[in-house]
Amino acid sequence: MVPRIVLLTEPEPVTFDVRKTPFIMGRQPDCDVQVESGQVSRNHAQIVLQGGQYFLEDLKSGNGTFLNGKLLERGQVCPTPLEDGDRIKLGPIKLRFEGGSPGKHQPGGDEGVAFSEDSSSTIMGSASARGFGRFEVRPEEKLRGILRINQALAGQVDLSRIAPLILDTLFDIFPQADRGTILVKTGPAARLVPIAQKRRTEGNDESVRLSKTIIMKVLEDRTGILSADAVNDERFSASESISNLELRSMICVPLLDLSGQPFGIINLDTQNPVKLFTNEDLELLLAVASQAANSYENVRLLKSHLDKQKQDEEMRIAMHVQKALLPETLPEVPGYRFFASYDAAQAVGGDYFDCFLIGDNQEKICISFGDVAGKGVPGALIMSRISSVVQNTMTFTNDVSVAIERINRHMCHNMAAGRFVTYTLAVIDLKSHRISLANAGHYAPLIRRANGELESLGADSVGIPVGIMDDFQYDVVEREIEPGDLFLLRTDGVDEAMAPDNSLYTSERVVEFVRQGAADAEALGKALLADVRRHANGRAQNDDIAIMTFSRLPNS
């Protein structure tokens, strides 16, 4: 596992892999972890690798570097190696180290929380977390606690405020509680992370100590647990007063989502040996926690819904932006007809086409047609890039050989790994009626001649896709466009359209459709799209579909 530093920010933590050392943290923009705080030095601290272990070093910072609450000597390396879950503070900035030697902290812990394998923790009682527990146990207090939680959380839509309000209310309900912690599962790995902590009396930076054994039982069995971690301690000897003991009683209950699955825990403890928690307290906390969990889940679902609405609105805007990159109208020139259609599988897509007049006297037409590897937002971003590159390139040249090499070189620069564009660039000379074409890994254009014969233009001269090799030399093929010739360009969303039985539309069916299709470019394009839809027979589109047809009219 690659060690990493987790920057504990709201609403979500940010993770940085420690792939090299020294790994520097500070305010400077070139730091491996760059933070914005006037209390953090430009180069505040760093992680170094010595003898196969990672160590934290203060870089003579102004406000000091803390490791698990202890201040490091200024400009010195900590004498002990970093352990998995160690807490780091740079001024007010909190971080967590993950991936080192297993230590006393559980991965996924946070500032102020440590997990232990305390074998001395004794389970004194347990109760099911389903529903609100047994109603015959302190029903008035249960109802009062539920109402207080409802009142405290009423109208709350900020997820970060819910957990602290829950703890505030629980401290009112349980006056013997000294400390409280709420942990929830976050991220793809469903790691338990504290989202709220509360101490009745603020003290030092000592961590709240939780029993990992008990927490796992609470989550796995979905039960509430009452425990005392010193019941079997030998300090209970008759020679020592119980008032001198640091005896702690703890109740821990799960938070269940709407489907009954645990997504977190609430833990309360007391160090007062006189006011210990009881089984009735456990039943009361179960009832209150059930209502708190419902409130938390409702707010989380509301936030998810609002985020989805925001995302949908952003995608709607992105869709309009992408459509604006495509030509609203195609050139209208004597003797020729042009048609194009575009249907994205998602809100935005990676297919692309353009068709516009070029040359000093507008005597030529540029046809640009491609398919980005991938769809959705990544494909749309690359599509927007190649659209801009083509427009800029064709402003300065109408030579296909020169243009395709410039376009490829631009697209290779800073291209994302694994991304490329299968692409066709063509220029039609309206005076000589000749087409010059370069093919970068795309389907060869189909030509249906006036006598019905089919031809794949440049099928033997297909180069590699754009964006892979910046010095690739593309072949350019030329052909005269005869009266009645009709051309078809399409992306693989046509050939690979799927029916409900998973059968593909296939390239063979495309060829046969063109052979039998209408002579008019627009009619053929629309009919082909309709035939693809009939083949899909209601199945959701699995890839973007772009079609372009153009023809030289008979007797022109």
Protein backbone atom coordinates (compact mmCIF):
# COMPACT_ATOMS: atom_id res chain seq x y z
CA MET A 1 0.00 0.00 0.00
CA VAL A 2 1.33 3.44 -0.91
CA PRO A 3 1.43 5.59 2.26
CA ARG A 4 -0.69 8.69 2.10
CA ILE A 5 -1.54 11.89 3.90
CA VAL A 6 -5.22 12.73 4.45
CA LEU A 7 -5.98 16.45 4.72
CA LEU A 8 -9.00 16.61 7.03
CA THR A 9 -11.10 19.26 5.33
CA GLU A 10 -14.84 19.86 5.25
CA PRO A 11 -17.04 18.48 3.83
CA GLU A 12 -14.75 15.73 2.54
CA PRO A 13 -11.10 14.88 3.35
CA VAL A 14 -8.49 15.14 0.57
CA THR A 15 -5.91 12.38 0.07
CA PHE A 16 -2.30 12.72 -1.15
CA ASP A 17 -0.13 9.68 -1.94
CA VAL A 18 3.37 9.76 -0.46
CA ARG A 19 5.14 8.45 -3.57
CA LYS A 20 8.43 10.23 -2.96
CA THR A 21 10.39 11.64 -0.07
CA PRO A 22 10.99 14.17 1.25
CA PHE A 23 7.23 14.80 1.16
CA ILE A 24 6.76 18.48 2.04
CA MET A 25 3.70 20.08 3.65
CA GLY A 26 3.21 23.81 3.90
CA ARG A 27 1.83 27.01 2.42
CA GLN A 28 4.16 27.14 -0.60
CA PRO A 29 2.36 26.27 -3.89
CA ASP A 30 5.02 23.70 -4.83
CA CYS A 31 4.56 21.71 -1.60
CA ASP A 32 3.31 18.14 -1.95
CA VAL A 33 0.44 19.14 0.36
CA GLN A 34 -0.30 22.85 -0.05
CA VAL A 35 -2.61 24.45 2.53
CA GLU A 36 -4.01 27.95 2.89
CA SER A 37 -3.40 29.24 6.42
CA GLY A 38 -1.43 32.18 7.75
CA GLN A 39 -0.42 30.01 10.73
CA VAL A 40 1.36 27.49 8.50
CA SER A 41 4.91 28.18 7.31
CA ARG A 42 5.83 28.12 3.63
CA ASN A 43 7.68 24.83 4.14
CA HIS A 44 6.28 23.71 7.48
CA ALA A 45 7.09 20.01 7.84
CA GLN A 46 8.05 17.01 5.78
CA ILE A 47 7.94 13.22 5.77
CA VAL A 48 11.26 11.46 5.25
CA LEU A 49 12.12 7.81 4.64
CA GLN A 50 14.89 6.35 6.79
CA GLY A 51 15.72 2.67 7.09
CA GLY A 52 12.48 1.63 5.42
CA GLN A 53 10.32 3.65 7.84
CA TYR A 54 8.65 7.04 7.56
CA PHE A 55 9.44 9.87 9.98
CA LEU A 56 7.95 13.33 10.49
CA GLU A 57 10.34 16.28 10.50
CA ASP A 58 9.61 19.89 11.46
CA LEU A 59 11.20 22.39 9.05
CA LYS A 60 11.81 25.14 11.61
CA SER A 61 8.18 26.18 11.37
CA GLY A 62 6.88 29.30 13.08
CA ASN A 63 4.00 27.67 14.97
CA GLY A 64 5.38 24.17 15.42
CA THR A 65 4.41 20.69 14.26
CA PHE A 66 2.35 18.36 16.42
CA LEU A 67 2.27 14.56 16.19
CA ASN A 68 -0.57 12.94 18.14
CA GLY A 69 -0.85 16.08 20.25
CA LYS A 70 2.85 16.34 21.10
CA LEU A 71 5.01 19.20 19.84
CA LEU A 72 8.04 18.18 17.81
CA GLU A 73 11.32 19.89 18.47
CA ARG A 74 11.77 22.78 16.06
CA GLY A 75 13.78 21.69 13.02
CA GLN A 76 14.13 18.11 14.31
CA VAL A 77 13.06 14.68 13.09
CA CYS A 78 10.63 12.83 15.37
CA PRO A 79 12.55 9.95 17.02
CA THR A 80 9.72 7.46 16.46
CA PRO A 81 8.47 6.38 13.01
CA LEU A 82 5.03 7.32 11.75
CA GLU A 83 2.34 4.73 12.36
CA ASP A 84 -0.89 4.06 10.54
CA GLY A 85 -3.47 6.59 11.79
CA ASP A 86 -1.02 9.05 13.35
CA ARG A 87 -2.42 12.57 13.69
CA ILE A 88 -0.46 15.57 12.44
CA LYS A 89 -1.22 19.25 13.12
CA LEU A 90 0.36 22.18 11.29
CA GLY A 91 -1.06 25.21 13.07
CA PRO A 92 -4.85 24.77 12.73
CA ILE A 93 -4.52 22.29 9.85
CA LYS A 94 -5.24 18.66 10.72
CA LEU A 95 -3.88 15.71 8.75
CA ARG A 96 -3.68 11.95 9.14
CA PHE A 97 -0.95 9.54 8.06
CA GLU A 98 -2.08 6.22 6.59
CA GLY A 99 -0.21 3.18 5.40
CA GLY A 100 2.73 2.97 7.79
CA SER A 101 3.47 0.43 10.48
CA PRO A 102 0.31 -0.75 12.28
CA GLY A 103 0.08 1.24 15.49
CA LYS A 104 -2.35 2.06 18.20
CA HIS A 105 -4.60 4.01 15.82
CA GLN A 106 -7.08 2.46 13.47
CA PRO A 107 -6.94 3.63 9.82
CA GLY A 108 -9.75 6.03 9.26
CA GLY A 109 -9.39 7.61 12.68
CA ASP A 110 -9.31 11.37 13.06
CA GLU A 111 -7.93 14.09 15.24
CA GLY A 112 -8.80 13.31 18.85
CA VAL A 113 -9.81 9.65 18.40
CA ALA A 114 -7.75 6.51 18.99
CA PHE A 115 -8.82 2.89 18.72
CA SER A 116 -7.55 0.18 21.02
CA GLU A 117 -7.74 -3.60 21.24
CA ASP A 118 -8.54 -3.22 24.95
CA SER A 119 -9.12 -6.72 26.20
CA SER A 120 -10.12 -5.31 29.58
CA SER A 121 -13.26 -3.74 28.17
CA THR A 122 -16.14 -5.71 29.61
CA ILE A 123 -19.54 -5.84 27.98
CA MET A 124 -22.02 -5.36 30.79
CA GLY A 125 -25.13 -5.47 28.62
CA SER A 126 -26.46 -5.25 25.10
CA ALA A 127 -29.70 -4.46 23.34
CA SER A 128 -31.03 -4.68 19.79
CA ALA A 129 -30.83 -1.51 17.74
CA ARG A 130 -33.91 -2.31 15.66
CA GLY A 131 -36.62 0.32 15.93
CA PHE A 132 -36.66 2.28 19.18
CA GLY A 133 -35.82 -0.57 21.52
CA ARG A 134 -38.16 -1.87 24.18
CA PHE A 135 -40.91 0.66 24.73
CA GLU A 136 -41.61 -0.53 28.27
CA VAL A 137 -38.20 0.75 29.39
CA ARG A 138 -38.52 4.44 30.39
CA PRO A 139 -41.09 5.23 27.67
CA GLU A 140 -41.61 8.81 28.87
CA GLU A 141 -37.91 9.59 28.73
CA LYS A 142 -37.59 7.91 25.34
CA LEU A 143 -40.38 10.02 23.93
CA ARG A 144 -38.93 13.14 25.54
CA GLY A 145 -35.48 12.35 24.08
CA ILE A 146 -36.91 11.74 20.61
CA LEU A 147 -38.83 15.01 20.74
CA ARG A 148 -35.70 16.90 21.84
CA ILE A 149 -33.73 15.43 18.93
CA ASN A 150 -36.52 16.40 16.54
CA GLN A 151 -36.62 19.95 17.91
CA ALA A 152 -32.82 20.31 17.76
CA LEU A 153 -32.60 19.08 14.18
CA ALA A 154 -35.75 20.68 12.81
CA GLY A 155 -35.11 22.56 9.60
CA GLN A 156 -31.47 21.50 9.36
CA VAL A 157 -30.21 20.91 5.81
CA ASP A 158 -26.48 21.26 6.51
CA LEU A 159 -25.01 17.79 6.99
CA SER A 160 -21.97 19.14 8.85
CA ARG A 161 -24.23 20.70 11.51
CA ILE A 162 -26.35 17.62 12.23
CA ALA A 163 -23.80 15.54 14.19
CA PRO A 164 -22.68 18.34 16.58
CA LEU A 165 -26.32 19.15 17.32
CA ILE A 166 -26.97 15.47 18.07
CA LEU A 167 -24.13 15.43 20.61
CA ASP A 168 -25.29 18.69 22.19
CA THR A 169 -28.75 17.17 22.71
CA LEU A 170 -27.34 13.88 24.03
CA PHE A 171 -25.28 15.75 26.64
CA ASP A 172 -28.52 17.31 27.87
CA ILE A 173 -30.27 13.94 27.96
CA PHE A 174 -27.32 12.17 29.65
CA PRO A 175 -25.87 14.55 32.26
CA GLN A 176 -23.30 11.92 33.34
CA ALA A 177 -21.66 11.84 29.88
CA ASP A 178 -18.17 13.34 29.88
CA ARG A 179 -17.31 12.73 26.24
CA GLY A 180 -19.14 11.85 23.08
CA THR A 181 -18.13 10.83 19.58
CA ILE A 182 -20.05 10.15 16.38
CA LEU A 183 -18.33 8.15 13.64
CA VAL A 184 -19.72 7.37 10.20
CA LYS A 185 -18.50 5.33 7.25
CA THR A 186 -17.16 7.44 4.40
CA GLY A 187 -15.49 6.91 1.03
CA PRO A 188 -15.34 3.82 -1.20
CA ALA A 189 -13.63 1.81 1.55
CA ALA A 190 -16.38 2.70 4.06
CA ARG A 191 -13.82 3.81 6.64
CA LEU A 192 -15.07 4.89 10.06
CA VAL A 193 -14.30 8.59 10.41
CA PRO A 194 -15.28 10.85 13.32
CA ILE A 195 -17.61 13.65 12.21
CA ALA A 196 -18.31 15.14 15.64
CA GLN A 197 -16.76 15.07 19.12
CA LYS A 198 -17.73 16.77 22.35
CA ARG A 199 -16.18 17.05 25.82
CA ARG A 200 -18.14 18.37 28.75
CA THR A 201 -14.94 19.88 30.10
CA GLU A 202 -12.32 20.96 27.62
CA GLY A 203 -8.94 19.59 28.58
CA ASN A 204 -5.71 18.64 26.89
CA ASP A 205 -5.25 17.07 23.46
CA GLU A 206 -5.63 13.53 24.76
CA SER A 207 -7.50 11.29 22.34
CA VAL A 208 -10.87 9.81 23.12
CA ARG A 209 -10.11 6.12 23.48
CA LEU A 210 -12.56 3.71 21.85
CA SER A 211 -12.65 -0.06 21.94
CA LYS A 212 -12.34 -1.41 18.42
CA THR A 213 -13.67 -4.76 19.60
CA ILE A 214 -16.86 -3.20 20.90
CA ILE A 215 -17.30 -0.95 17.86
CA MET A 216 -17.00 -3.94 15.50
CA LYS A 217 -19.55 -5.88 17.54
CA VAL A 218 -21.93 -2.91 17.49
CA LEU A 219 -21.67 -2.67 13.71
CA GLU A 220 -21.70 -6.38 12.91
CA ASP A 221 -24.51 -7.35 15.28
CA ARG A 222 -26.40 -4.03 15.04
CA THR A 223 -26.70 -3.99 18.82
CA GLY A 224 -26.10 -1.37 21.46
CA ILE A 225 -23.36 -2.14 23.97
CA LEU A 226 -22.83 -1.08 27.60
CA SER A 227 -19.28 -1.63 28.81
CA ALA A 228 -16.84 -0.78 31.58
CA ASP A 229 -13.21 -1.02 30.62
CA ALA A 230 -11.80 -1.47 34.12
CA VAL A 231 -14.18 -3.91 35.73
CA ASN A 232 -11.56 -6.65 35.81
CA ASP A 233 -8.63 -4.33 36.57
CA GLU A 234 -6.56 -5.37 39.59
CA ARG A 235 -6.76 -1.77 40.85
CA PHE A 236 -10.12 -2.78 42.35
CA SER A 237 -8.18 -4.10 45.32
CA ALA A 238 -9.54 -3.34 48.77
CA SER A 239 -6.52 -1.25 49.60
CA GLU A 240 -7.33 1.38 47.04
CA SER A 241 -10.28 3.74 47.09
CA ILE A 242 -12.58 3.54 44.14
CA SER A 243 -12.72 7.33 44.02
CA ASN A 244 -9.11 7.34 42.87
CA LEU A 245 -9.80 5.08 39.94
CA GLU A 246 -10.12 6.36 36.39
CA LEU A 247 -13.10 4.10 35.92
CA ARG A 248 -14.97 4.74 32.67
CA SER A 249 -18.40 3.50 31.71
CA MET A 250 -19.35 3.58 28.04
CA ILE A 251 -22.41 3.08 25.90
CA CYS A 252 -22.06 2.59 22.17
CA VAL A 253 -24.94 2.20 19.71
CA PRO A 254 -25.14 1.86 15.93
CA LEU A 255 -26.63 4.35 13.50
CA LEU A 256 -28.80 2.49 11.01
CA ASP A 257 -29.78 3.74 7.58
CA LEU A 258 -33.29 3.50 6.15
CA SER A 259 -32.63 -0.09 5.03
CA GLY A 260 -31.45 -1.13 8.48
CA GLN A 261 -27.74 -1.25 7.66
CA PRO A 262 -25.23 0.37 10.05
CA PHE A 263 -23.50 3.47 8.70
CA GLY A 264 -21.92 4.69 11.92
CA ILE A 265 -21.92 4.70 15.73
CA ILE A 266 -22.59 7.00 18.67
CA ASN A 267 -20.30 6.56 21.66
CA LEU A 268 -20.77 8.19 25.07
CA ASP A 269 -18.53 7.65 28.08
CA THR A 270 -18.12 8.85 31.62
CA GLN A 271 -15.12 8.81 33.95
CA ASN A 272 -17.23 9.48 37.01
CA PRO A 273 -17.19 6.23 39.06
CA VAL A 274 -20.38 7.22 40.84
CA LYS A 275 -22.54 8.01 37.81
CA LEU A 276 -22.13 5.00 35.58
CA PHE A 277 -24.37 4.20 32.63
CA THR A 278 -27.05 1.58 33.09
CA ASN A 279 -28.96 -0.78 30.84
CA GLU A 280 -31.85 1.68 30.94
CA ASP A 281 -29.49 4.39 29.66
CA LEU A 282 -28.54 2.04 26.83
CA GLU A 283 -32.22 1.58 25.92
CA LEU A 284 -32.76 5.33 26.00
CA LEU A 285 -29.75 6.02 23.77
CA LEU A 286 -30.94 3.38 21.30
CA ALA A 287 -34.27 5.15 20.95
CA VAL A 288 -32.73 8.60 20.61
CA ALA A 289 -30.03 7.30 18.22
CA SER A 290 -32.67 5.73 15.99
CA GLN A 291 -34.37 9.09 15.54
CA ALA A 292 -31.02 10.84 15.14
CA ALA A 293 -30.00 8.35 12.45
CA ASN A 294 -33.26 8.95 10.58
CA SER A 295 -32.70 12.69 10.71
CA TYR A 296 -29.10 12.32 9.57
CA GLU A 297 -30.10 10.01 6.71
CA ASN A 298 -32.91 12.33 5.62
CA VAL A 299 -30.54 15.28 5.46
CA ARG A 300 -27.94 13.17 3.65
CA LEU A 301 -30.52 12.07 1.10
CA LEU A 302 -31.72 15.65 0.71
CA LYS A 303 -28.15 16.81 0.18
CA SER A 304 -27.61 14.01 -2.33
CA HIS A 305 -30.79 15.07 -4.13
CA LEU A 306 -29.74 18.71 -4.19
CA ASP A 307 -26.26 17.76 -5.41
CA LYS A 308 -27.86 15.65 -8.13
CA GLN A 309 -30.08 18.55 -9.15
CA LYS A 310 -27.04 20.83 -9.29
CA GLN A 311 -25.12 18.25 -11.30
CA ASP A 312 -28.05 17.82 -13.69
CA GLU A 313 -28.24 21.58 -14.18
CA GLU A 314 -24.49 21.74 -14.84
CA MET A 315 -24.80 18.88 -17.32
CA ARG A 316 -27.68 20.65 -19.03
CA ILE A 317 -25.51 23.74 -19.40
CA ALA A 318 -22.61 21.57 -20.62
CA MET A 319 -24.93 20.00 -23.19
CA HIS A 320 -25.86 23.42 -24.57
CA VAL A 321 -22.20 24.45 -24.59
CA GLN A 322 -21.28 21.33 -26.53
CA LYS A 323 -24.09 21.84 -29.01
CA ALA A 324 -22.80 25.36 -29.55
CA LEU A 325 -19.49 23.84 -30.67
CA LEU A 326 -21.26 21.95 -33.44
CA PRO A 327 -22.34 23.84 -36.56
CA GLU A 328 -25.93 25.11 -36.45
CA THR A 329 -26.14 25.02 -40.22
CA LEU A 330 -24.09 23.32 -42.91
CA PRO A 331 -22.74 25.08 -46.00
CA GLU A 332 -25.22 25.72 -48.79
CA VAL A 333 -23.28 25.73 -52.07
CA PRO A 334 -24.52 25.13 -55.61
CA GLY A 335 -24.34 21.50 -56.72
CA TYR A 336 -23.86 19.98 -53.23
CA ARG A 337 -26.02 18.85 -50.31
CA PHE A 338 -24.83 18.28 -46.73
CA PHE A 339 -26.51 16.63 -43.72
CA ALA A 340 -25.32 15.76 -40.21
CA SER A 341 -26.88 14.46 -36.99
CA TYR A 342 -25.51 13.95 -33.49
CA ASP A 343 -26.97 11.96 -30.61
CA ALA A 344 -24.99 11.60 -27.37
CA ALA A 345 -25.46 8.50 -25.22
CA GLN A 346 -25.31 10.75 -22.15
CA ALA A 347 -25.98 14.45 -21.67
CA VAL A 348 -22.69 15.20 -23.42
CA GLY A 349 -20.52 13.00 -25.58
CA GLY A 350 -17.30 12.52 -27.47
CA ASP A 351 -18.43 12.35 -31.10
CA TYR A 352 -17.61 15.37 -33.21
CA PHE A 353 -18.25 16.84 -36.62
CA ASP A 354 -17.75 20.16 -38.34
CA CYS A 355 -18.26 21.45 -41.88
CA PHE A 356 -17.35 24.97 -42.98
CA LEU A 357 -16.09 27.06 -45.91
CA ILE A 358 -12.37 27.86 -46.08
CA GLY A 359 -9.98 29.55 -48.48
CA ASP A 360 -9.52 33.19 -49.42
CA ASN A 361 -12.54 33.12 -51.70
CA GLN A 362 -14.51 30.49 -49.75
CA GLU A 363 -13.97 28.12 -52.65
CA LYS A 364 -13.30 25.07 -50.50
CA ILE A 365 -15.15 23.15 -47.79
CA CYS A 366 -13.49 21.57 -44.76
CA ILE A 367 -15.07 18.40 -43.38
CA SER A 368 -13.89 17.40 -39.90
CA PHE A 369 -15.29 14.25 -38.30
CA GLY A 370 -14.15 12.22 -35.29
CA ASP A 371 -14.86 9.99 -32.32
CA VAL A 372 -13.10 10.50 -28.98
CA ALA A 373 -12.09 7.37 -27.05
CA GLY A 374 -14.66 7.50 -24.26
CA LYS A 375 -17.95 9.26 -23.79
CA GLY A 376 -19.62 11.51 -21.26
CA VAL A 377 -17.76 14.46 -19.74
CA PRO A 378 -14.18 13.25 -20.49
CA GLY A 379 -15.07 12.68 -24.12
CA ALA A 380 -16.84 16.03 -24.35
CA LEU A 381 -13.81 17.89 -22.99
CA ILE A 382 -11.52 16.37 -25.60
CA MET A 383 -14.17 16.94 -28.27
CA SER A 384 -14.21 20.65 -27.39
CA ARG A 385 -10.44 20.75 -27.62
CA ILE A 386 -10.20 19.19 -31.08
CA SER A 387 -13.02 21.45 -32.29
CA SER A 388 -10.98 24.49 -31.33
CA VAL A 389 -7.74 23.06 -32.74
CA VAL A 390 -9.33 22.28 -36.11
CA GLN A 391 -10.91 25.72 -36.45
CA ASN A 392 -7.61 27.44 -35.63
CA THR A 393 -5.54 25.19 -37.88
CA MET A 394 -7.79 25.51 -40.93
CA THR A 395 -7.64 29.30 -40.62
CA PHE A 396 -4.01 29.19 -41.72
CA THR A 397 -3.93 26.33 -44.22
CA ASN A 398 -6.22 24.35 -46.47
CA ASP A 399 -3.58 21.72 -47.22
CA VAL A 400 -4.88 18.47 -45.70
CA SER A 401 -1.39 16.99 -45.27
CA VAL A 402 -0.13 20.01 -43.34
CA ALA A 403 -3.36 20.42 -41.36
CA ILE A 404 -3.67 16.82 -40.12
CA GLU A 405 -0.08 16.83 -38.85
CA ARG A 406 -0.59 20.13 -37.00
CA ILE A 407 -3.87 18.92 -35.51
CA ASN A 408 -2.25 15.67 -34.37
CA ARG A 409 0.71 17.51 -32.86
CA HIS A 410 -1.60 19.86 -30.91
CA MET A 411 -3.72 16.98 -29.63
CA CYS A 412 -0.64 14.97 -28.54
CA HIS A 413 0.47 17.86 -26.34
CA ASN A 414 -0.76 17.17 -22.77
CA MET A 415 -3.23 14.53 -23.96
CA ALA A 416 -4.67 12.48 -21.07
CA ALA A 417 -3.34 8.93 -20.88
CA GLY A 418 -5.47 6.46 -22.82
CA ARG A 419 -7.35 9.21 -24.67
CA PHE A 420 -7.22 9.61 -28.42
CA VAL A 421 -9.48 10.53 -31.34
CA THR A 422 -10.26 8.47 -34.42
CA TYR A 423 -10.53 11.21 -36.97
CA THR A 424 -11.13 12.07 -40.62
CA LEU A 425 -10.14 15.39 -42.20
CA ALA A 426 -11.21 16.22 -45.76
CA VAL A 427 -11.18 19.28 -48.01
CA ILE A 428 -13.46 19.59 -51.04
CA ASP A 429 -12.39 21.91 -53.85
CA LEU A 430 -15.67 23.27 -55.20
CA LYS A 431 -14.05 24.32 -58.49
CA SER A 432 -12.22 21.12 -59.40
CA HIS A 433 -14.71 18.88 -57.56
CA ARG A 434 -11.85 16.97 -55.94
CA ILE A 435 -11.72 15.73 -52.35
CA SER A 436 -8.46 15.37 -50.41
CA LEU A 437 -8.75 13.18 -47.30
CA ALA A 438 -6.58 11.96 -44.41
CA ASN A 439 -7.85 9.20 -42.12
CA ALA A 440 -6.54 8.85 -38.56
CA GLY A 441 -7.90 5.48 -37.47
CA HIS A 442 -11.55 6.12 -38.35
CA TYR A 443 -14.02 4.22 -40.52
CA ALA A 444 -13.21 4.88 -44.17
CA PRO A 445 -15.97 7.02 -45.74
CA LEU A 446 -18.41 5.04 -47.85
CA ILE A 447 -19.09 6.35 -51.37
CA ARG A 448 -22.06 5.27 -53.42
CA ARG A 449 -21.51 6.20 -57.01
CA ALA A 450 -24.26 7.26 -59.37
CA ASN A 451 -24.33 3.74 -60.89
CA GLY A 452 -24.83 2.15 -57.42
CA GLU A 453 -21.29 0.86 -56.92
CA LEU A 454 -19.81 1.24 -53.40
CA GLU A 455 -16.29 2.29 -52.50
CA SER A 456 -14.44 2.81 -49.19
CA LEU A 457 -12.38 5.94 -49.70
CA GLY A 458 -8.81 5.52 -48.47
CA ALA A 459 -9.44 2.18 -46.73
CA ASP A 460 -5.83 1.17 -47.45
CA SER A 461 -4.36 4.45 -46.16
CA VAL A 462 -5.68 4.61 -42.59
CA GLY A 463 -3.20 6.00 -40.06
CA ILE A 464 -3.14 5.86 -36.25
CA PRO A 465 -5.66 7.91 -34.25
CA VAL A 466 -4.92 11.52 -33.40
CA GLY A 467 -3.26 12.13 -30.05
CA ILE A 468 -0.97 9.08 -29.88
CA MET A 469 2.24 9.90 -31.81
CA ASP A 470 3.06 13.52 -32.51
CA ASP A 471 5.39 12.93 -35.49
CA PHE A 472 3.25 10.45 -37.41
CA GLN A 473 3.09 11.02 -41.18
CA TYR A 474 -0.44 10.60 -42.52
CA ASP A 475 -1.23 9.61 -46.09
CA VAL A 476 -3.56 11.84 -48.08
CA VAL A 477 -5.82 10.33 -50.74
CA GLU A 478 -7.54 12.30 -53.48
CA ARG A 479 -10.50 11.51 -55.64
CA GLU A 480 -12.73 13.35 -58.06
CA ILE A 481 -16.33 13.72 -56.93
CA GLU A 482 -18.58 12.73 -59.82
CA PRO A 483 -22.15 13.97 -60.25
CA GLY A 484 -24.45 11.70 -58.21
CA ASP A 485 -21.71 10.53 -55.80
CA LEU A 486 -22.92 10.26 -52.21
CA PHE A 487 -20.62 10.04 -49.14
CA LEU A 488 -21.32 8.64 -45.67
CA LEU A 489 -19.24 9.19 -42.52
CA ARG A 490 -20.34 7.69 -39.19
CA THR A 491 -19.02 6.84 -35.75
CA ASP A 492 -19.02 3.34 -34.24
CA GLY A 493 -22.21 4.11 -32.33
CA VAL A 494 -23.98 3.21 -35.59
CA ASP A 495 -22.26 -0.12 -36.30
CA GLU A 496 -22.25 -1.16 -32.63
CA ALA A 497 -25.82 -0.18 -31.74
CA MET A 498 -27.29 -3.04 -29.69
CA ALA A 499 -30.68 -4.70 -29.84
CA PRO A 500 -32.31 -6.12 -26.68
CA ASP A 501 -30.79 -9.54 -27.55
CA ASN A 502 -27.28 -7.93 -27.61
CA SER A 503 -26.96 -8.27 -31.39
CA LEU A 504 -25.07 -5.45 -33.12
CA TYR A 505 -26.22 -3.39 -36.06
CA THR A 506 -22.88 -4.27 -37.78
CA SER A 507 -20.82 -2.66 -40.53
CA GLU A 508 -22.26 -5.10 -43.07
CA ARG A 509 -25.75 -3.77 -42.43
CA VAL A 510 -24.48 -0.19 -42.84
CA VAL A 511 -22.96 -1.07 -46.23
CA GLU A 512 -26.14 -2.77 -47.39
CA PHE A 513 -28.29 0.12 -46.20
CA VAL A 514 -26.19 2.62 -48.15
CA ARG A 515 -26.36 0.38 -51.19
CA GLN A 516 -30.17 0.30 -51.10
CA GLY A 517 -30.74 3.76 -49.59
CA ALA A 518 -32.07 7.04 -50.91
CA ALA A 519 -30.08 9.12 -53.37
CA ASP A 520 -30.58 12.34 -51.39
CA ALA A 521 -27.94 12.96 -48.69
CA GLU A 522 -30.37 14.20 -46.03
CA ALA A 523 -32.91 11.46 -46.73
CA LEU A 524 -30.22 8.77 -46.48
CA GLY A 525 -28.82 10.14 -43.22
CA LYS A 526 -32.20 10.38 -41.53
CA ALA A 527 -33.25 6.96 -42.76
CA LEU A 528 -30.05 5.34 -41.49
CA LEU A 529 -30.55 6.84 -38.02
CA ALA A 530 -34.15 5.64 -37.99
CA ASP A 531 -33.05 2.13 -38.98
CA VAL A 532 -30.51 2.06 -36.17
CA ARG A 533 -33.28 3.07 -33.74
CA ARG A 534 -35.51 0.28 -35.05
CA HIS A 535 -32.70 -2.21 -34.51
CA ALA A 536 -32.18 -1.00 -30.92
CA ASN A 537 -35.93 -1.48 -30.35
CA GLY A 538 -36.06 0.64 -27.22
CA ARG A 539 -32.71 -0.41 -25.76
CA ALA A 540 -30.83 2.50 -24.24
CA GLN A 541 -28.14 3.97 -26.47
CA ASN A 542 -24.75 2.67 -25.32
CA ASP A 543 -22.52 4.95 -27.41
CA ASP A 544 -22.63 8.33 -29.08
CA ILE A 545 -23.94 8.36 -32.66
CA ALA A 546 -22.81 10.84 -35.29
CA ILE A 547 -23.72 10.65 -38.98
CA MET A 548 -22.67 12.92 -41.82
CA THR A 549 -23.72 12.57 -45.45
CA PHE A 550 -22.98 14.78 -48.43
CA SER A 551 -23.40 14.43 -52.16
CA ARG A 552 -22.75 16.12 -55.47
CA LEU A 553 -26.03 16.58 -57.22
CA PRO A 554 -26.61 14.94 -60.62
CA ASN A 555 -26.05 17.22 -63.63
CA SER A 556 -23.98 19.65 -61.51
